[in-house]
Amino acid sequence: MENIVELFERLAKEREEGLKVNPRYDIDKLADDNGEIRIYFNSKVEYEMYLDGKGVIGSTERFLDTDVFCNVHKDRIEKLTDGRTLAHIAALSSNDDV
């Protein structure tokens, strides 16, 4: 049975190997069976910007009780930063469906 240090080392190694094969490894790993990730927005304004198809930054973690959340498809997320916490959500082009 592995101890906690060995577990974290194994998970870090799996992540590094996964990122070598697929740069979107973190995003794919967080997505559910439908390919969606729960994203929290700091305000209703940011949530409305997301609904309008504009680029915004959300979070994979809830920080405040007032955070608004919704499921965002993984293809709309450009990247995760700050330890997979901040989700950079791309703006939709005029060709994309809202």
N, C-alpha and C. Protein backbone atom coordinates (compact mmCIF):
# COMPACT_ATOMS: atom_id res chain seq x y z
N MET A 1 0.85 -1.18 0.00
CA MET A 1 0.00 0.00 0.00
C MET A 1 0.89 1.23 0.00
N GLU A 2 0.56 2.19 -0.89
CA GLU A 2 1.39 3.39 -0.99
C GLU A 2 0.99 4.43 0.06
N ASN A 3 1.99 5.14 0.54
CA ASN A 3 1.69 6.21 1.50
C ASN A 3 1.32 7.48 0.73
N ILE A 4 1.00 8.53 1.43
CA ILE A 4 0.51 9.76 0.82
C ILE A 4 1.55 10.41 -0.08
N VAL A 5 2.81 10.36 0.32
CA VAL A 5 3.88 10.95 -0.49
C VAL A 5 4.01 10.19 -1.82
N GLU A 6 3.98 8.88 -1.74
CA GLU A 6 4.06 8.07 -2.97
C GLU A 6 2.86 8.32 -3.87
N LEU A 7 1.69 8.49 -3.27
CA LEU A 7 0.48 8.77 -4.05
C LEU A 7 0.63 10.08 -4.82
N PHE A 8 1.06 11.14 -4.13
CA PHE A 8 1.23 12.44 -4.79
C PHE A 8 2.31 12.37 -5.87
N GLU A 9 3.38 11.65 -5.61
CA GLU A 9 4.42 11.49 -6.62
C GLU A 9 3.89 10.76 -7.84
N ARG A 10 3.10 9.72 -7.63
CA ARG A 10 2.52 8.96 -8.74
C ARG A 10 1.56 9.83 -9.55
N LEU A 11 0.71 10.59 -8.86
CA LEU A 11 -0.24 11.46 -9.55
C LEU A 11 0.48 12.56 -10.34
N ALA A 12 1.55 13.12 -9.78
CA ALA A 12 2.32 14.14 -10.49
C ALA A 12 2.98 13.56 -11.74
N LYS A 13 3.49 12.34 -11.62
CA LYS A 13 4.12 11.68 -12.77
C LYS A 13 3.09 11.39 -13.85
N GLU A 14 1.91 10.90 -13.46
CA GLU A 14 0.84 10.63 -14.43
C GLU A 14 0.44 11.90 -15.14
N ARG A 15 0.36 13.01 -14.40
CA ARG A 15 -0.02 14.29 -15.01
C ARG A 15 1.03 14.75 -16.01
N GLU A 16 2.31 14.67 -15.64
CA GLU A 16 3.38 15.07 -16.55
C GLU A 16 3.35 14.25 -17.83
N GLU A 17 3.18 12.93 -17.69
CA GLU A 17 3.12 12.07 -18.86
C GLU A 17 1.88 12.36 -19.70
N GLY A 18 0.77 12.63 -19.04
CA GLY A 18 -0.46 12.95 -19.74
C GLY A 18 -0.35 14.25 -20.52
N LEU A 19 0.32 15.26 -19.94
CA LEU A 19 0.49 16.54 -20.62
C LEU A 19 1.42 16.41 -21.83
N LYS A 20 2.37 15.49 -21.78
CA LYS A 20 3.24 15.27 -22.93
C LYS A 20 2.45 14.73 -24.12
N VAL A 21 1.52 13.84 -23.84
CA VAL A 21 0.72 13.22 -24.89
C VAL A 21 -0.40 14.16 -25.35
N ASN A 22 -1.03 14.85 -24.40
CA ASN A 22 -2.18 15.69 -24.69
C ASN A 22 -2.09 16.98 -23.89
N PRO A 23 -1.82 18.13 -24.53
CA PRO A 23 -1.69 19.39 -23.80
C PRO A 23 -2.97 19.77 -23.04
N ARG A 24 -4.10 19.21 -23.42
CA ARG A 24 -5.37 19.50 -22.75
C ARG A 24 -5.73 18.39 -21.74
N TYR A 25 -4.73 17.68 -21.26
CA TYR A 25 -4.92 16.55 -20.34
C TYR A 25 -5.72 16.97 -19.11
N ASP A 26 -5.35 18.10 -18.49
CA ASP A 26 -6.04 18.56 -17.27
C ASP A 26 -7.52 18.82 -17.54
N ILE A 27 -7.79 19.45 -18.67
CA ILE A 27 -9.18 19.77 -19.01
C ILE A 27 -9.97 18.49 -19.24
N ASP A 28 -9.40 17.57 -20.01
CA ASP A 28 -10.08 16.30 -20.28
C ASP A 28 -10.29 15.50 -19.00
N LYS A 29 -9.35 15.55 -18.09
CA LYS A 29 -9.43 14.79 -16.83
C LYS A 29 -10.55 15.33 -15.93
N LEU A 30 -10.76 16.65 -15.95
CA LEU A 30 -11.80 17.26 -15.11
C LEU A 30 -13.20 17.11 -15.68
N ALA A 31 -13.29 16.86 -16.98
CA ALA A 31 -14.61 16.81 -17.64
C ALA A 31 -15.38 15.56 -17.22
N ASP A 32 -16.71 15.70 -17.18
CA ASP A 32 -17.57 14.57 -16.87
C ASP A 32 -17.84 13.75 -18.13
N ASP A 33 -18.76 12.81 -18.05
CA ASP A 33 -19.06 11.94 -19.20
C ASP A 33 -19.61 12.70 -20.39
N ASN A 34 -20.22 13.86 -20.15
CA ASN A 34 -20.77 14.68 -21.23
C ASN A 34 -19.75 15.67 -21.78
N GLY A 35 -18.54 15.64 -21.25
CA GLY A 35 -17.50 16.56 -21.70
C GLY A 35 -17.63 17.95 -21.11
N GLU A 36 -18.28 18.07 -19.96
CA GLU A 36 -18.50 19.37 -19.34
C GLU A 36 -17.77 19.47 -18.00
N ILE A 37 -17.40 20.71 -17.68
CA ILE A 37 -16.72 21.00 -16.42
C ILE A 37 -17.54 22.07 -15.70
N ARG A 38 -17.77 21.89 -14.41
CA ARG A 38 -18.49 22.90 -13.63
C ARG A 38 -17.56 24.08 -13.41
N ILE A 39 -18.02 25.25 -13.85
CA ILE A 39 -17.25 26.48 -13.73
C ILE A 39 -18.04 27.48 -12.90
N TYR A 40 -17.33 28.11 -11.96
CA TYR A 40 -17.93 29.13 -11.10
C TYR A 40 -17.51 30.52 -11.60
N PHE A 41 -18.48 31.43 -11.66
CA PHE A 41 -18.21 32.80 -12.06
C PHE A 41 -18.37 33.70 -10.84
N ASN A 42 -17.49 34.69 -10.74
CA ASN A 42 -17.45 35.57 -9.58
C ASN A 42 -18.68 36.47 -9.48
N SER A 43 -19.30 36.76 -10.61
CA SER A 43 -20.46 37.66 -10.58
C SER A 43 -21.43 37.29 -11.69
N LYS A 44 -22.62 37.83 -11.58
CA LYS A 44 -23.62 37.60 -12.63
C LYS A 44 -23.20 38.26 -13.93
N VAL A 45 -22.42 39.34 -13.84
CA VAL A 45 -21.94 40.03 -15.04
C VAL A 45 -21.04 39.10 -15.86
N GLU A 46 -20.11 38.42 -15.19
CA GLU A 46 -19.23 37.47 -15.89
C GLU A 46 -20.03 36.31 -16.48
N TYR A 47 -21.01 35.85 -15.74
CA TYR A 47 -21.86 34.76 -16.24
C TYR A 47 -22.63 35.21 -17.48
N GLU A 48 -23.17 36.42 -17.46
CA GLU A 48 -23.88 36.94 -18.63
C GLU A 48 -22.93 37.13 -19.81
N MET A 49 -21.69 37.53 -19.55
CA MET A 49 -20.70 37.64 -20.62
C MET A 49 -20.46 36.28 -21.25
N TYR A 50 -20.37 35.24 -20.40
CA TYR A 50 -20.19 33.87 -20.91
C TYR A 50 -21.38 33.48 -21.78
N LEU A 51 -22.59 33.76 -21.31
CA LEU A 51 -23.80 33.42 -22.08
C LEU A 51 -23.86 34.18 -23.40
N ASP A 52 -23.31 35.40 -23.42
CA ASP A 52 -23.28 36.20 -24.64
C ASP A 52 -22.17 35.78 -25.60
N GLY A 53 -21.36 34.79 -25.21
CA GLY A 53 -20.32 34.28 -26.09
C GLY A 53 -19.01 35.04 -26.00
N LYS A 54 -18.83 35.85 -24.96
CA LYS A 54 -17.59 36.60 -24.79
C LYS A 54 -16.59 35.79 -23.99
N GLY A 55 -15.31 36.12 -24.15
CA GLY A 55 -14.26 35.45 -23.40
C GLY A 55 -14.25 35.91 -21.95
N VAL A 56 -14.21 34.98 -21.02
CA VAL A 56 -14.17 35.31 -19.59
C VAL A 56 -13.26 34.32 -18.87
N ILE A 57 -13.00 34.63 -17.62
CA ILE A 57 -12.24 33.72 -16.77
C ILE A 57 -13.15 33.29 -15.63
N GLY A 58 -13.29 31.98 -15.48
CA GLY A 58 -14.05 31.41 -14.38
C GLY A 58 -13.13 30.59 -13.50
N SER A 59 -13.70 29.84 -12.59
CA SER A 59 -12.91 29.04 -11.67
C SER A 59 -13.50 27.63 -11.56
N THR A 60 -12.63 26.67 -11.35
CA THR A 60 -13.09 25.31 -11.12
C THR A 60 -13.41 25.07 -9.65
N GLU A 61 -13.14 26.08 -8.81
CA GLU A 61 -13.42 25.98 -7.39
C GLU A 61 -14.31 27.13 -6.96
N ARG A 62 -15.16 26.86 -6.00
CA ARG A 62 -16.05 27.89 -5.48
C ARG A 62 -15.35 28.65 -4.36
N PHE A 63 -15.38 29.98 -4.45
CA PHE A 63 -14.73 30.80 -3.44
C PHE A 63 -15.73 31.53 -2.56
N LEU A 64 -16.83 31.97 -3.13
CA LEU A 64 -17.83 32.73 -2.38
C LEU A 64 -19.19 32.06 -2.51
N ASP A 65 -20.04 32.28 -1.52
CA ASP A 65 -21.39 31.74 -1.58
C ASP A 65 -22.20 32.35 -2.73
N THR A 66 -21.78 33.53 -3.17
CA THR A 66 -22.52 34.23 -4.23
C THR A 66 -22.05 33.85 -5.63
N ASP A 67 -21.07 32.98 -5.75
CA ASP A 67 -20.58 32.57 -7.07
C ASP A 67 -21.70 31.91 -7.87
N VAL A 68 -21.75 32.22 -9.15
CA VAL A 68 -22.72 31.63 -10.07
C VAL A 68 -22.00 30.51 -10.81
N PHE A 69 -22.65 29.36 -10.97
CA PHE A 69 -21.97 28.27 -11.67
C PHE A 69 -22.82 27.71 -12.78
N CYS A 70 -22.14 27.10 -13.74
CA CYS A 70 -22.81 26.35 -14.80
C CYS A 70 -21.79 25.37 -15.37
N ASN A 71 -22.27 24.42 -16.13
CA ASN A 71 -21.39 23.46 -16.78
C ASN A 71 -20.98 24.03 -18.13
N VAL A 72 -19.66 24.04 -18.38
CA VAL A 72 -19.10 24.56 -19.62
C VAL A 72 -18.47 23.39 -20.36
N HIS A 73 -18.74 23.28 -21.65
CA HIS A 73 -18.15 22.18 -22.43
C HIS A 73 -16.65 22.38 -22.52
N LYS A 74 -15.90 21.30 -22.44
CA LYS A 74 -14.45 21.36 -22.37
C LYS A 74 -13.83 21.99 -23.62
N ASP A 75 -14.51 21.92 -24.76
CA ASP A 75 -13.96 22.52 -25.98
C ASP A 75 -13.95 24.04 -25.92
N ARG A 76 -14.76 24.62 -25.08
CA ARG A 76 -14.82 26.08 -24.95
C ARG A 76 -13.72 26.60 -24.03
N ILE A 77 -13.12 25.73 -23.23
CA ILE A 77 -12.08 26.15 -22.28
C ILE A 77 -10.72 26.11 -22.99
N GLU A 78 -10.06 27.27 -23.02
CA GLU A 78 -8.76 27.36 -23.69
C GLU A 78 -7.66 26.72 -22.87
N LYS A 79 -7.62 27.06 -21.58
CA LYS A 79 -6.56 26.54 -20.71
C LYS A 79 -6.97 26.70 -19.26
N LEU A 80 -6.27 25.96 -18.40
CA LEU A 80 -6.42 26.07 -16.95
C LEU A 80 -5.11 26.58 -16.39
N THR A 81 -5.17 27.54 -15.49
CA THR A 81 -3.96 28.07 -14.87
C THR A 81 -4.11 28.10 -13.36
N ASP A 82 -3.06 28.50 -12.69
CA ASP A 82 -3.03 28.58 -11.22
C ASP A 82 -3.45 27.27 -10.58
N GLY A 83 -2.76 26.21 -10.93
CA GLY A 83 -3.04 24.91 -10.34
C GLY A 83 -4.39 24.35 -10.74
N ARG A 84 -4.75 24.52 -11.98
CA ARG A 84 -6.02 24.04 -12.55
C ARG A 84 -7.22 24.71 -11.90
N THR A 85 -7.04 25.93 -11.40
CA THR A 85 -8.13 26.63 -10.73
C THR A 85 -8.83 27.61 -11.66
N LEU A 86 -8.08 28.43 -12.39
CA LEU A 86 -8.67 29.43 -13.27
C LEU A 86 -8.90 28.84 -14.66
N ALA A 87 -10.12 28.96 -15.13
CA ALA A 87 -10.48 28.46 -16.45
C ALA A 87 -10.64 29.64 -17.40
N HIS A 88 -9.81 29.68 -18.43
CA HIS A 88 -9.88 30.72 -19.44
C HIS A 88 -10.84 30.23 -20.52
N ILE A 89 -11.98 30.90 -20.63
CA ILE A 89 -13.04 30.47 -21.54
C ILE A 89 -12.99 31.36 -22.77
N ALA A 90 -12.89 30.72 -23.93
CA ALA A 90 -12.75 31.44 -25.19
C ALA A 90 -14.05 32.11 -25.60
N ALA A 91 -13.91 33.21 -26.33
CA ALA A 91 -15.08 33.85 -26.92
C ALA A 91 -15.53 33.02 -28.10
N LEU A 92 -16.82 33.02 -28.34
CA LEU A 92 -17.36 32.29 -29.49
C LEU A 92 -17.19 33.13 -30.74
N SER A 93 -16.86 32.48 -31.84
CA SER A 93 -16.83 33.19 -33.12
C SER A 93 -18.25 33.28 -33.66
N SER A 94 -18.42 34.02 -34.69
CA SER A 94 -19.76 34.18 -35.26
C SER A 94 -20.27 32.88 -35.88
N ASN A 95 -19.36 31.92 -36.12
CA ASN A 95 -19.75 30.64 -36.72
C ASN A 95 -20.21 29.62 -35.69
N ASP A 96 -19.93 29.88 -34.41
CA ASP A 96 -20.28 28.91 -33.36
C ASP A 96 -21.71 29.09 -32.91
N ASP A 97 -22.32 28.00 -32.47
CA ASP A 97 -23.67 28.06 -31.92
C ASP A 97 -23.61 28.43 -30.46
N VAL A 98 -24.52 29.27 -30.02
CA VAL A 98 -24.58 29.66 -28.60
C VAL A 98 -25.54 28.76 -27.88
